[in-house]
Amino acid sequence: MQIQREARAFFHNKMCIRGEFFTPYKGTKIEKKEPFILFLHGGGQTRFAWENSAVAMSHLGFDCLTIDLRGHGDSDWDETGSYSLDSSVGDIAYILKEFRRDVFLVGASFGGYLSMLVTGEELHKVQRYIQAIILVDVAPTANPSGIQEIISFMQAHQEGFSSLEEAALVIQKYLPHRKPSQDVQGLQKNLRYRNNRWFWHWDPNFLNFVTLETGVKPFEQRLQNALGSIEQPILLVRGALSSIVDEIDVQKAKEIAPHMEYIDVKKATHMVVGDKNDIFLQVISTFLQKYK
């Protein structure tokens, strides 16, 4: 089966959110009625974190959309540095209203926060489109030290890198459990080249909505309220080696949303998709096929 890929752009509040739509192609374009999958990446990532997953799920018959969140990848950077949860949630709600089609949300880390809020808060008025959500190593509560580790990594190296090789070494140090790639050219999808140096492909101002000291603590109650309001099927996929979401966080989430399903992915960290993508795909495809 061929996969047709099409660039997409969504204009919301003077911001352009760019993405890519993946759809199975059998020689003719078929107008589908079943839900598509919207993949939402974590903070400091880009839509390419989901590229392999989107291709794989399209081969299973799903239409898929990957996007760069505002301030990330090829999407616009906010001149005012406004990267509040509300601004990003507003972008997602706008995209769902543009599609006017049923959707499955798959959100990792920060993308999982957006999934909970856009589904659980009535003010966004898109609940009727959302048929199920998958939270990837994210819950309303989190391990503060793990959050601080992520924020520290994102705040470092704002002076950029002299080469792709230097960036690769930094990533390898941060993810020592992962086998290093022999081809560093793939990092160009996550970096921008300017003034003879390579910089992360996201706006440093994105971190303005959190602090190293408090992390996401100020938003926990809001996230708990949102999760508790969700009636749609929920699956929490946790990396068994995660430093962000532990079993206590999972238990708290299940108390808030008793209908939530949960699975651990062995030998996976917070970066579940990058660590064990084959297992992750098997888990989410089994879950989503029930509601397709």
Protein backbone atom coordinates (compact mmCIF):
# COMPACT_ATOMS: atom_id res chain seq x y z
CA MET A 1 0.00 0.00 0.00
CA GLN A 2 1.28 3.45 -0.89
CA ILE A 3 1.10 6.32 1.58
CA GLN A 4 0.15 9.71 0.23
CA ARG A 5 1.77 12.60 2.13
CA GLU A 6 0.50 16.16 1.93
CA ALA A 7 1.78 19.32 3.60
CA ARG A 8 -0.86 21.12 5.67
CA ALA A 9 -0.98 24.62 7.16
CA PHE A 10 -3.45 26.03 9.69
CA PHE A 11 -3.69 29.77 10.39
CA HIS A 12 -4.86 30.62 13.88
CA ASN A 13 -4.47 33.93 15.76
CA LYS A 14 -1.85 35.19 13.29
CA MET A 15 0.17 31.99 13.72
CA CYS A 16 0.79 29.35 11.07
CA ILE A 17 0.81 25.79 12.40
CA ARG A 18 2.38 23.49 9.84
CA GLY A 19 2.09 19.75 9.54
CA GLU A 20 1.81 16.75 7.27
CA PHE A 21 -1.17 14.53 6.47
CA PHE A 22 -0.64 10.82 5.78
CA THR A 23 -3.29 8.72 4.10
CA PRO A 24 -3.37 5.23 2.56
CA TYR A 25 -3.52 5.40 -1.22
CA LYS A 26 -4.72 2.60 -3.49
CA GLY A 27 -4.78 4.43 -6.79
CA THR A 28 -7.84 6.53 -5.99
CA LYS A 29 -8.55 8.90 -3.16
CA ILE A 30 -11.31 7.63 -0.87
CA GLU A 31 -13.31 10.02 1.29
CA LYS A 32 -13.17 8.49 4.76
CA LYS A 33 -15.59 8.83 7.61
CA GLU A 34 -13.72 6.99 10.36
CA PRO A 35 -11.49 8.95 12.78
CA PHE A 36 -8.05 10.12 11.81
CA ILE A 37 -5.11 10.20 14.24
CA LEU A 38 -3.64 13.52 15.37
CA PHE A 39 -0.15 13.04 16.80
CA LEU A 40 1.05 15.73 19.25
CA HIS A 41 4.76 15.82 20.08
CA GLY A 42 6.46 16.78 23.33
CA GLY A 43 8.12 20.07 24.20
CA GLY A 44 11.34 20.66 22.29
CA GLN A 45 10.45 18.05 19.64
CA THR A 46 8.99 18.39 16.14
CA ARG A 47 6.42 16.49 14.10
CA PHE A 48 9.23 14.24 12.84
CA ALA A 49 9.19 12.49 16.22
CA TRP A 50 5.97 10.91 14.95
CA GLU A 51 6.92 10.34 11.30
CA ASN A 52 7.59 6.60 11.54
CA SER A 53 4.47 6.10 13.65
CA ALA A 54 2.29 8.00 11.19
CA VAL A 55 3.60 5.98 8.24
CA ALA A 56 3.09 2.70 10.11
CA MET A 57 -0.45 3.56 11.23
CA SER A 58 -1.34 4.69 7.69
CA HIS A 59 -0.26 1.28 6.44
CA LEU A 60 -2.85 -0.11 8.86
CA GLY A 61 -5.54 2.01 7.24
CA PHE A 62 -5.55 5.14 9.41
CA ASP A 63 -5.34 8.69 8.14
CA CYS A 64 -2.79 10.55 10.27
CA LEU A 65 -1.84 14.16 10.90
CA THR A 66 1.43 15.25 12.47
CA ILE A 67 1.96 18.91 13.35
CA ASP A 68 4.68 21.15 14.70
CA LEU A 69 3.30 22.90 17.77
CA ARG A 70 3.64 26.67 17.82
CA GLY A 71 7.27 27.63 18.36
CA HIS A 72 8.49 24.26 17.12
CA GLY A 73 9.78 22.92 13.82
CA ASP A 74 8.34 24.67 10.77
CA SER A 75 5.46 26.34 12.62
CA ASP A 76 5.63 30.04 13.42
CA TRP A 77 7.42 31.38 16.46
CA ASP A 78 5.35 33.83 18.50
CA GLU A 79 6.91 37.30 18.39
CA THR A 80 5.56 38.00 21.88
CA GLY A 81 6.91 34.74 23.30
CA SER A 82 3.38 33.60 24.19
CA TYR A 83 3.55 29.85 24.72
CA SER A 84 0.98 29.34 27.42
CA LEU A 85 -0.95 26.11 27.66
CA ASP A 86 -4.04 28.03 26.53
CA SER A 87 -2.43 29.28 23.32
CA SER A 88 -1.32 25.78 22.30
CA VAL A 89 -4.63 24.18 23.30
CA GLY A 90 -6.39 26.85 21.24
CA ASP A 91 -4.35 25.83 18.19
CA ILE A 92 -5.38 22.19 18.58
CA ALA A 93 -9.06 23.07 19.03
CA TYR A 94 -8.90 25.26 15.91
CA ILE A 95 -7.41 22.41 13.84
CA LEU A 96 -10.13 20.00 14.98
CA LYS A 97 -12.82 22.52 14.06
CA GLU A 98 -11.21 22.96 10.64
CA PHE A 99 -11.31 19.22 9.99
CA ARG A 100 -14.82 18.69 11.39
CA ARG A 101 -14.05 15.00 11.52
CA ASP A 102 -13.78 12.44 14.30
CA VAL A 103 -10.28 12.10 15.67
CA PHE A 104 -8.05 10.03 17.93
CA LEU A 105 -5.56 12.13 19.90
CA VAL A 106 -2.11 10.69 20.62
CA GLY A 107 -0.05 13.02 22.80
CA ALA A 108 3.40 12.54 24.27
CA SER A 109 4.59 14.56 27.27
CA PHE A 110 3.54 18.19 26.60
CA GLY A 111 1.36 16.91 23.75
CA GLY A 112 -0.40 14.74 26.32
CA TYR A 113 -1.17 17.79 28.46
CA LEU A 114 -2.77 19.41 25.41
CA SER A 115 -4.76 16.23 24.72
CA MET A 116 -6.18 16.18 28.25
CA LEU A 117 -7.10 19.87 28.22
CA VAL A 118 -8.67 20.06 24.75
CA THR A 119 -10.74 16.95 25.55
CA GLY A 120 -11.64 17.61 29.15
CA GLU A 121 -12.41 21.34 29.14
CA GLU A 122 -15.80 22.22 27.67
CA LEU A 123 -14.83 25.75 26.63
CA HIS A 124 -12.95 24.38 23.60
CA LYS A 125 -16.17 22.85 22.20
CA VAL A 126 -14.49 20.03 20.26
CA GLN A 127 -15.34 17.07 22.50
CA ARG A 128 -17.81 15.72 19.94
CA TYR A 129 -14.97 15.07 17.50
CA ILE A 130 -12.64 13.30 19.93
CA GLN A 131 -13.32 9.56 20.05
CA ALA A 132 -10.38 8.39 22.19
CA ILE A 133 -7.08 9.68 23.52
CA ILE A 134 -3.72 8.04 24.12
CA LEU A 135 -1.38 9.61 26.67
CA VAL A 136 2.26 8.69 26.15
CA ASP A 137 4.20 8.79 29.43
CA VAL A 138 2.23 11.71 30.78
CA ALA A 139 -0.24 12.14 33.64
CA PRO A 140 -1.63 15.08 35.61
CA THR A 141 1.11 14.60 38.22
CA ALA A 142 4.77 14.00 37.54
CA ASN A 143 8.13 13.40 39.22
CA PRO A 144 9.58 16.90 39.89
CA SER A 145 13.19 15.78 39.47
CA GLY A 146 12.41 14.22 36.10
CA ILE A 147 10.69 17.39 34.91
CA GLN A 148 13.64 19.47 36.10
CA GLU A 149 16.02 17.23 34.18
CA ILE A 150 14.09 17.84 30.95
CA ILE A 151 13.88 21.59 31.52
CA SER A 152 17.62 21.77 32.30
CA PHE A 153 18.44 19.92 29.08
CA MET A 154 16.18 22.20 27.03
CA GLN A 155 17.68 25.33 28.60
CA ALA A 156 21.24 24.21 27.91
CA HIS A 157 23.18 24.74 24.66
CA GLN A 158 21.25 27.84 23.61
CA GLU A 159 24.50 28.99 22.03
CA GLY A 160 24.07 26.19 19.50
CA PHE A 161 26.47 23.58 18.16
CA SER A 162 29.42 23.84 15.83
CA SER A 163 28.43 20.68 13.99
CA LEU A 164 25.83 17.93 13.78
CA GLU A 165 28.38 15.61 15.35
CA GLU A 166 28.60 17.82 18.43
CA ALA A 167 24.81 17.84 18.75
CA ALA A 168 24.76 14.05 18.38
CA LEU A 169 27.22 13.66 21.25
CA VAL A 170 25.06 15.84 23.51
CA ILE A 171 21.97 13.78 22.67
CA GLN A 172 23.85 10.54 23.27
CA LYS A 173 24.93 11.75 26.69
CA TYR A 174 21.32 12.62 27.52
CA LEU A 175 20.00 9.28 26.18
CA PRO A 176 22.83 6.84 26.97
CA HIS A 177 20.54 3.80 26.80
CA ARG A 178 19.77 4.39 23.13
CA LYS A 179 22.05 3.05 20.39
CA PRO A 180 23.62 6.04 18.61
CA SER A 181 22.75 6.56 14.96
CA GLN A 182 25.55 6.17 12.45
CA ASP A 183 24.01 8.91 10.30
CA VAL A 184 23.91 12.31 12.00
CA GLN A 185 22.30 13.96 8.95
CA GLY A 186 18.88 13.02 10.30
CA LEU A 187 19.37 15.60 13.05
CA GLN A 188 18.79 18.34 10.48
CA LYS A 189 15.06 17.74 11.02
CA ASN A 190 15.45 18.90 14.64
CA LEU A 191 18.00 21.67 14.19
CA ARG A 192 18.20 25.02 12.39
CA TYR A 193 21.41 26.26 10.76
CA ARG A 194 22.18 29.95 11.08
CA ASN A 195 25.33 32.04 11.54
CA ASN A 196 27.47 28.94 10.95
CA ARG A 197 25.99 27.07 13.92
CA TRP A 198 23.22 24.54 14.54
CA PHE A 199 20.40 25.44 16.96
CA TRP A 200 17.46 23.45 18.31
CA HIS A 201 14.45 23.68 16.02
CA TRP A 202 12.25 25.38 18.61
CA ASP A 203 11.89 28.80 20.22
CA PRO A 204 13.71 29.07 23.58
CA ASN A 205 10.85 31.30 24.75
CA PHE A 206 8.65 28.19 24.76
CA LEU A 207 9.93 27.51 28.28
CA ASN A 208 8.56 30.80 29.58
CA PHE A 209 5.40 29.08 30.85
CA VAL A 210 7.35 26.90 33.31
CA THR A 211 10.20 27.42 35.75
CA LEU A 212 12.96 25.08 36.82
CA GLU A 213 11.77 25.36 40.42
CA THR A 214 8.05 24.63 39.94
CA GLY A 215 7.96 22.61 36.70
CA VAL A 216 4.34 21.74 35.89
CA LYS A 217 3.21 21.81 39.52
CA PRO A 218 1.05 24.94 39.02
CA PHE A 219 -0.98 23.13 36.32
CA GLU A 220 -1.57 19.83 38.11
CA GLN A 221 -5.03 20.68 39.45
CA ARG A 222 -6.18 21.93 36.07
CA LEU A 223 -4.93 18.74 34.42
CA GLN A 224 -6.60 16.59 37.07
CA ASN A 225 -9.90 18.39 36.54
CA ALA A 226 -9.63 17.93 32.78
CA LEU A 227 -8.79 14.23 33.03
CA GLY A 228 -11.69 13.68 35.41
CA SER A 229 -14.10 15.21 32.90
CA ILE A 230 -13.09 12.97 30.00
CA GLU A 231 -15.69 10.36 29.10
CA GLN A 232 -13.92 9.08 25.97
CA PRO A 233 -11.75 5.94 26.12
CA ILE A 234 -8.26 6.69 27.46
CA LEU A 235 -5.06 4.68 27.21
CA LEU A 236 -1.97 5.62 29.21
CA VAL A 237 1.23 4.17 27.75
CA ARG A 238 4.10 4.50 30.22
CA GLY A 239 7.77 3.81 29.77
CA ALA A 240 8.67 1.33 32.52
CA LEU A 241 11.98 3.18 33.05
CA SER A 242 10.37 6.63 32.99
CA SER A 243 11.79 9.32 35.26
CA ILE A 244 8.66 11.43 34.71
CA VAL A 245 5.64 9.21 35.41
CA ASP A 246 5.90 6.59 38.14
CA GLU A 247 3.39 4.03 39.38
CA ILE A 248 2.05 6.46 42.00
CA ASP A 249 1.26 9.00 39.25
CA VAL A 250 -0.49 6.23 37.29
CA GLN A 251 -2.56 5.21 40.31
CA LYS A 252 -3.61 8.83 40.91
CA ALA A 253 -4.65 9.13 37.28
CA LYS A 254 -6.68 5.92 37.45
CA GLU A 255 -8.46 7.18 40.56
CA ILE A 256 -9.41 10.31 38.63
CA ALA A 257 -10.41 8.41 35.46
CA PRO A 258 -11.32 4.82 36.48
CA HIS A 259 -12.12 3.83 32.90
CA MET A 260 -8.56 4.60 31.78
CA GLU A 261 -6.57 1.66 30.42
CA TYR A 262 -2.88 1.44 31.21
CA ILE A 263 0.15 -0.42 29.94
CA ASP A 264 3.88 -0.35 30.73
CA VAL A 265 6.39 -0.67 27.92
CA LYS A 266 9.41 -2.55 29.22
CA LYS A 267 12.90 -1.10 28.76
CA ALA A 268 11.44 2.22 27.61
CA THR A 269 12.08 5.61 29.22
CA HIS A 270 10.03 8.81 28.92
CA MET A 271 10.87 8.70 25.20
CA VAL A 272 8.68 5.63 24.66
CA VAL A 273 8.25 6.12 20.92
CA GLY A 274 11.96 6.52 20.25
CA ASP A 275 12.94 3.66 22.56
CA LYS A 276 10.41 0.95 21.62
CA ASN A 277 8.42 2.16 18.65
CA ASP A 278 7.51 -1.33 17.40
CA ILE A 279 5.92 -2.26 20.73
CA PHE A 280 4.29 1.16 21.02
CA LEU A 281 2.67 0.80 17.60
CA GLN A 282 1.33 -2.64 18.44
CA VAL A 283 -0.21 -1.31 21.65
CA ILE A 284 -1.90 1.75 20.15
CA SER A 285 -3.13 -0.03 17.02
CA THR A 286 -4.82 -2.71 19.14
CA PHE A 287 -6.45 -0.01 21.26
CA LEU A 288 -7.61 2.20 18.39
CA GLN A 289 -8.95 -0.63 16.24
CA LYS A 290 -11.64 -1.11 18.91
CA TYR A 291 -13.00 2.38 18.27
CA LYS A 292 -12.30 2.85 14.56
